[in-house]
Amino acid sequence: MAPIDVLIVEDDPMVADIHQSFINSVENYRVAGVVDNGLKALEHLRRHPVRLVVLDIFLPGLDGMALLEKIRESGENVDVIVVSASRDILTVNRAIQAGAFDYIVKPFVFERIKASLQSFSRMMDKLKDGPKQIDQKGIDTLFQTRSNKDFDGRLPKGLNPNVLERLISLLTENGAALSSVEAAEQLCVSRITARRYLEHLVASGQAVVEHEYHDVGRPVNKYVLLNRTP
């Protein structure tokens, strides 16, 4: 089976690099391009069609939701997985109505996007190999395949439970809120590794992300345990 080409649309270079690393590590997927705004994405799709777009919502110029709707209006055979920090129910509903295959909340762990990509692959296989006409049972199977994602929140492969416990202890102390940089320094691991542990806590419902704003630059993501001490 030919690899499934993916376009990443993300304006944060670090997040885009993480997406690219994650997607390229999933069997039968390859990143065909990375762009940082919606207009560049439309141009890329016109020149270099792909089968799947991994799309942020908050983009300069043409935002992700408008881009998703334009992709749908084009009638091209392109599916979209939205990856966004927005948990707003109106945004989620709009993404569903515009035909997004999945909606993943930032920050996320590798296993969550892997489960989404594997679900997409299974759906592709069924659509490709099925008959030209399909009965209700076959349609039900397709929609179940689309919905079922094998993600159970267990500690992702490569993460050490002892390091996770140390991180939880750090976050527990005085209700501390830590950035990935601060966590990396205290755990003596790389920033990317620290972020994976922090994202796992968020994905498993044990922590949330708070934004710390400064006079200049992007807000800093701070991770806080839900059961922190006041």
Protein backbone atom coordinates (compact mmCIF):
# COMPACT_ATOMS: atom_id res chain seq x y z
CA MET A 1 0.00 0.00 0.00
CA ALA A 2 1.37 3.43 -0.96
CA PRO A 3 2.21 5.75 1.94
CA ILE A 4 -0.46 8.23 2.98
CA ASP A 5 0.87 11.74 2.42
CA VAL A 6 0.12 14.29 5.15
CA LEU A 7 0.27 18.08 5.13
CA ILE A 8 0.90 19.72 8.52
CA VAL A 9 -0.60 23.19 8.95
CA GLU A 10 0.83 24.63 12.18
CA ASP A 11 2.36 28.05 12.92
CA ASP A 12 4.40 27.00 15.98
CA PRO A 13 7.68 25.54 14.64
CA MET A 14 8.30 23.38 17.71
CA VAL A 15 4.80 21.90 17.61
CA ALA A 16 5.14 21.34 13.85
CA ASP A 17 8.39 19.44 14.45
CA ILE A 18 6.68 17.26 17.05
CA HIS A 19 3.80 16.56 14.65
CA GLN A 20 6.25 15.65 11.90
CA SER A 21 8.22 13.29 14.14
CA PHE A 22 5.06 11.59 15.41
CA ILE A 23 3.44 11.18 11.99
CA ASN A 24 6.56 9.90 10.24
CA SER A 25 6.95 7.24 12.94
CA VAL A 26 3.50 5.75 12.24
CA GLU A 27 3.55 2.94 9.70
CA ASN A 28 2.43 3.89 6.19
CA TYR A 29 2.43 7.65 6.82
CA ARG A 30 4.80 10.33 5.64
CA VAL A 31 4.79 14.10 5.99
CA ALA A 32 4.71 15.63 2.53
CA GLY A 33 4.82 19.24 3.65
CA VAL A 34 4.70 21.69 6.54
CA VAL A 35 3.19 25.19 6.23
CA ASP A 36 2.42 27.86 8.81
CA ASN A 37 -0.82 29.43 7.57
CA GLY A 38 -4.02 28.66 5.72
CA LEU A 39 -3.20 30.44 2.46
CA LYS A 40 0.07 28.53 2.11
CA ALA A 41 -1.87 25.33 2.81
CA LEU A 42 -4.30 26.03 -0.05
CA GLU A 43 -1.40 26.70 -2.40
CA HIS A 44 0.36 23.49 -1.30
CA LEU A 45 -2.80 21.45 -1.82
CA ARG A 46 -3.21 22.93 -5.28
CA ARG A 47 0.35 22.12 -6.31
CA HIS A 48 0.95 18.96 -4.27
CA PRO A 49 -2.29 17.14 -3.34
CA VAL A 50 -2.23 15.02 -0.18
CA ARG A 51 -4.74 12.61 1.33
CA LEU A 52 -4.71 13.99 4.89
CA VAL A 53 -4.22 17.37 6.54
CA VAL A 54 -3.27 17.80 10.21
CA LEU A 55 -4.64 21.24 10.96
CA ASP A 56 -4.33 23.80 13.74
CA ILE A 57 -7.25 26.18 14.29
CA PHE A 58 -5.44 29.34 15.37
CA LEU A 59 -3.48 30.43 12.29
CA PRO A 60 -2.48 33.84 10.94
CA GLY A 61 -4.50 35.11 8.00
CA LEU A 62 -6.86 32.35 6.93
CA ASP A 63 -7.59 30.41 10.11
CA GLY A 64 -7.88 26.64 10.36
CA MET A 65 -11.66 26.49 10.48
CA ALA A 66 -12.01 28.61 7.35
CA LEU A 67 -9.39 26.42 5.67
CA LEU A 68 -11.27 23.25 6.63
CA GLU A 69 -14.46 24.66 5.12
CA LYS A 70 -12.64 25.67 1.92
CA ILE A 71 -11.19 22.16 1.62
CA ARG A 72 -14.70 20.73 1.91
CA GLU A 73 -16.07 23.20 -0.64
CA SER A 74 -13.37 22.17 -3.12
CA GLY A 75 -14.71 18.63 -3.30
CA GLU A 76 -11.16 17.23 -3.25
CA ASN A 77 -10.52 13.81 -1.70
CA VAL A 78 -8.78 15.22 1.38
CA ASP A 79 -9.53 14.44 5.00
CA VAL A 80 -8.63 16.61 7.97
CA ILE A 81 -7.59 15.89 11.54
CA VAL A 82 -7.90 19.03 13.64
CA VAL A 83 -5.27 19.49 16.35
CA SER A 84 -6.06 22.53 18.47
CA ALA A 85 -5.81 23.96 21.97
CA SER A 86 -9.45 25.08 21.67
CA ARG A 87 -11.94 23.14 23.76
CA ASP A 88 -14.80 25.50 22.88
CA ILE A 89 -17.89 23.45 22.09
CA LEU A 90 -18.91 25.78 19.24
CA THR A 91 -15.50 25.29 17.59
CA VAL A 92 -15.70 21.52 18.03
CA ASN A 93 -19.23 21.45 16.62
CA ARG A 94 -18.19 23.57 13.64
CA ALA A 95 -15.30 21.20 12.93
CA ILE A 96 -17.66 18.22 13.04
CA GLN A 97 -20.14 19.93 10.72
CA ALA A 98 -17.31 20.76 8.31
CA GLY A 99 -16.41 17.07 8.14
CA ALA A 100 -13.25 16.78 10.24
CA PHE A 101 -12.21 13.15 10.63
CA ASP A 102 -11.02 13.73 14.19
CA TYR A 103 -10.43 16.49 16.72
CA ILE A 104 -7.42 16.24 19.04
CA VAL A 105 -6.85 18.69 21.86
CA LYS A 106 -3.37 20.11 22.46
CA PRO A 107 -1.22 19.14 24.15
CA PHE A 108 -1.57 15.47 23.27
CA VAL A 109 0.48 12.30 23.58
CA PHE A 110 1.85 10.32 20.66
CA GLU A 111 -0.52 7.41 21.26
CA ARG A 112 -3.57 9.65 20.71
CA ILE A 113 -2.58 10.83 17.24
CA LYS A 114 -1.27 7.36 16.41
CA ALA A 115 -4.69 5.92 17.26
CA SER A 116 -6.34 8.49 15.01
CA LEU A 117 -4.01 7.75 12.10
CA GLN A 118 -4.48 3.99 12.48
CA SER A 119 -8.25 4.46 12.53
CA PHE A 120 -7.98 6.51 9.34
CA SER A 121 -5.86 3.77 7.72
CA ARG A 122 -8.45 1.12 8.59
CA MET A 123 -11.20 3.24 7.08
CA MET A 124 -9.12 3.77 3.93
CA ASP A 125 -8.55 0.02 3.62
CA LYS A 126 -12.26 -0.72 3.88
CA LEU A 127 -13.17 1.95 1.33
CA LYS A 128 -10.52 0.76 -1.11
CA ASP A 129 -11.17 -2.96 -0.87
CA GLY A 130 -14.94 -2.91 -0.59
CA PRO A 131 -17.50 -3.50 -3.36
CA LYS A 132 -18.88 -0.67 -5.48
CA GLN A 133 -22.21 -1.07 -3.72
CA ILE A 134 -22.39 -1.40 0.06
CA ASP A 135 -25.18 -2.54 2.38
CA GLN A 136 -26.18 -1.08 5.75
CA LYS A 137 -23.96 -3.47 7.67
CA GLY A 138 -20.96 -2.41 5.63
CA ILE A 139 -21.79 1.27 6.15
CA ASP A 140 -22.15 0.68 9.91
CA THR A 141 -18.74 -1.01 9.95
CA LEU A 142 -17.18 1.97 8.19
CA PHE A 143 -18.59 4.44 10.69
CA GLN A 144 -17.56 2.24 13.62
CA THR A 145 -14.04 2.06 12.19
CA ARG A 146 -13.99 5.84 11.94
CA SER A 147 -15.08 6.22 15.56
CA ASN A 148 -13.03 3.46 17.22
CA LYS A 149 -9.57 4.58 18.26
CA ASP A 150 -7.41 2.28 20.30
CA PHE A 151 -6.31 4.75 22.96
CA ASP A 152 -6.67 3.77 26.59
CA GLY A 153 -4.51 6.33 28.38
CA ARG A 154 -1.84 3.88 29.49
CA LEU A 155 1.72 5.15 29.89
CA PRO A 156 3.12 5.52 26.36
CA LYS A 157 5.99 3.33 25.24
CA GLY A 158 9.35 4.84 26.11
CA LEU A 159 8.13 6.71 29.20
CA ASN A 160 9.43 5.59 32.57
CA PRO A 161 6.89 5.32 35.43
CA ASN A 162 9.55 6.38 37.93
CA VAL A 163 10.20 9.60 36.02
CA LEU A 164 6.45 10.18 35.82
CA GLU A 165 6.17 9.80 39.60
CA ARG A 166 8.99 12.31 40.08
CA LEU A 167 7.18 14.75 37.80
CA ILE A 168 3.91 14.31 39.69
CA SER A 169 5.78 14.96 42.95
CA LEU A 170 7.22 18.17 41.51
CA LEU A 171 3.79 19.33 40.39
CA THR A 172 2.29 18.40 43.76
CA GLU A 173 4.73 20.52 45.76
CA ASN A 174 2.84 23.67 46.75
CA GLY A 175 0.53 23.25 43.77
CA ALA A 176 3.41 24.04 41.43
CA ALA A 177 2.79 24.95 37.79
CA LEU A 178 5.69 23.99 35.53
CA SER A 179 6.59 24.66 31.93
CA SER A 180 8.25 21.94 29.86
CA VAL A 181 11.56 23.80 30.19
CA GLU A 182 11.30 23.96 33.99
CA ALA A 183 10.27 20.32 34.22
CA ALA A 184 13.15 19.28 31.96
CA GLU A 185 15.67 21.09 34.16
CA GLN A 186 14.40 19.51 37.36
CA LEU A 187 14.05 16.02 35.90
CA CYS A 188 17.38 16.22 34.03
CA VAL A 189 15.77 15.22 30.73
CA SER A 190 15.33 16.95 27.38
CA ARG A 191 12.56 19.49 26.86
CA ILE A 192 10.85 17.20 24.34
CA THR A 193 10.93 14.30 26.81
CA ALA A 194 9.56 16.44 29.63
CA ARG A 195 6.79 17.64 27.36
CA ARG A 196 5.81 14.05 26.53
CA TYR A 197 5.36 13.29 30.24
CA LEU A 198 3.40 16.50 30.79
CA GLU A 199 1.19 15.85 27.76
CA HIS A 200 0.49 12.35 29.04
CA LEU A 201 -0.79 13.82 32.31
CA VAL A 202 -3.09 16.15 30.36
CA ALA A 203 -4.33 13.42 28.01
CA SER A 204 -5.07 11.11 30.94
CA GLY A 205 -7.04 13.81 32.75
CA GLN A 206 -4.56 14.30 35.58
CA ALA A 207 -3.42 17.80 34.63
CA VAL A 208 -4.45 20.88 32.69
CA VAL A 209 -2.59 23.57 30.77
CA GLU A 210 -2.62 27.19 31.88
CA HIS A 211 -1.24 30.02 29.73
CA GLU A 212 1.22 32.45 31.31
CA TYR A 213 1.29 35.68 29.33
CA HIS A 214 4.26 38.04 29.04
CA ASP A 215 4.69 41.48 27.51
CA VAL A 216 6.23 40.03 24.35
CA GLY A 217 6.27 36.68 22.62
CA ARG A 218 3.98 33.71 22.83
CA PRO A 219 2.29 32.71 26.10
CA VAL A 220 4.10 29.99 28.03
CA ASN A 221 2.26 26.72 28.64
CA LYS A 222 2.25 25.84 32.33
CA TYR A 223 1.10 22.40 33.45
CA VAL A 224 -0.90 22.04 36.67
CA LEU A 225 -2.20 18.94 38.43
CA LEU A 226 -5.97 18.90 38.79
CA ASN A 227 -5.68 17.78 42.40
CA ARG A 228 -3.08 20.41 43.31
CA THR A 229 -2.87 21.77 46.84
CA PRO A 230 -4.43 25.25 47.15
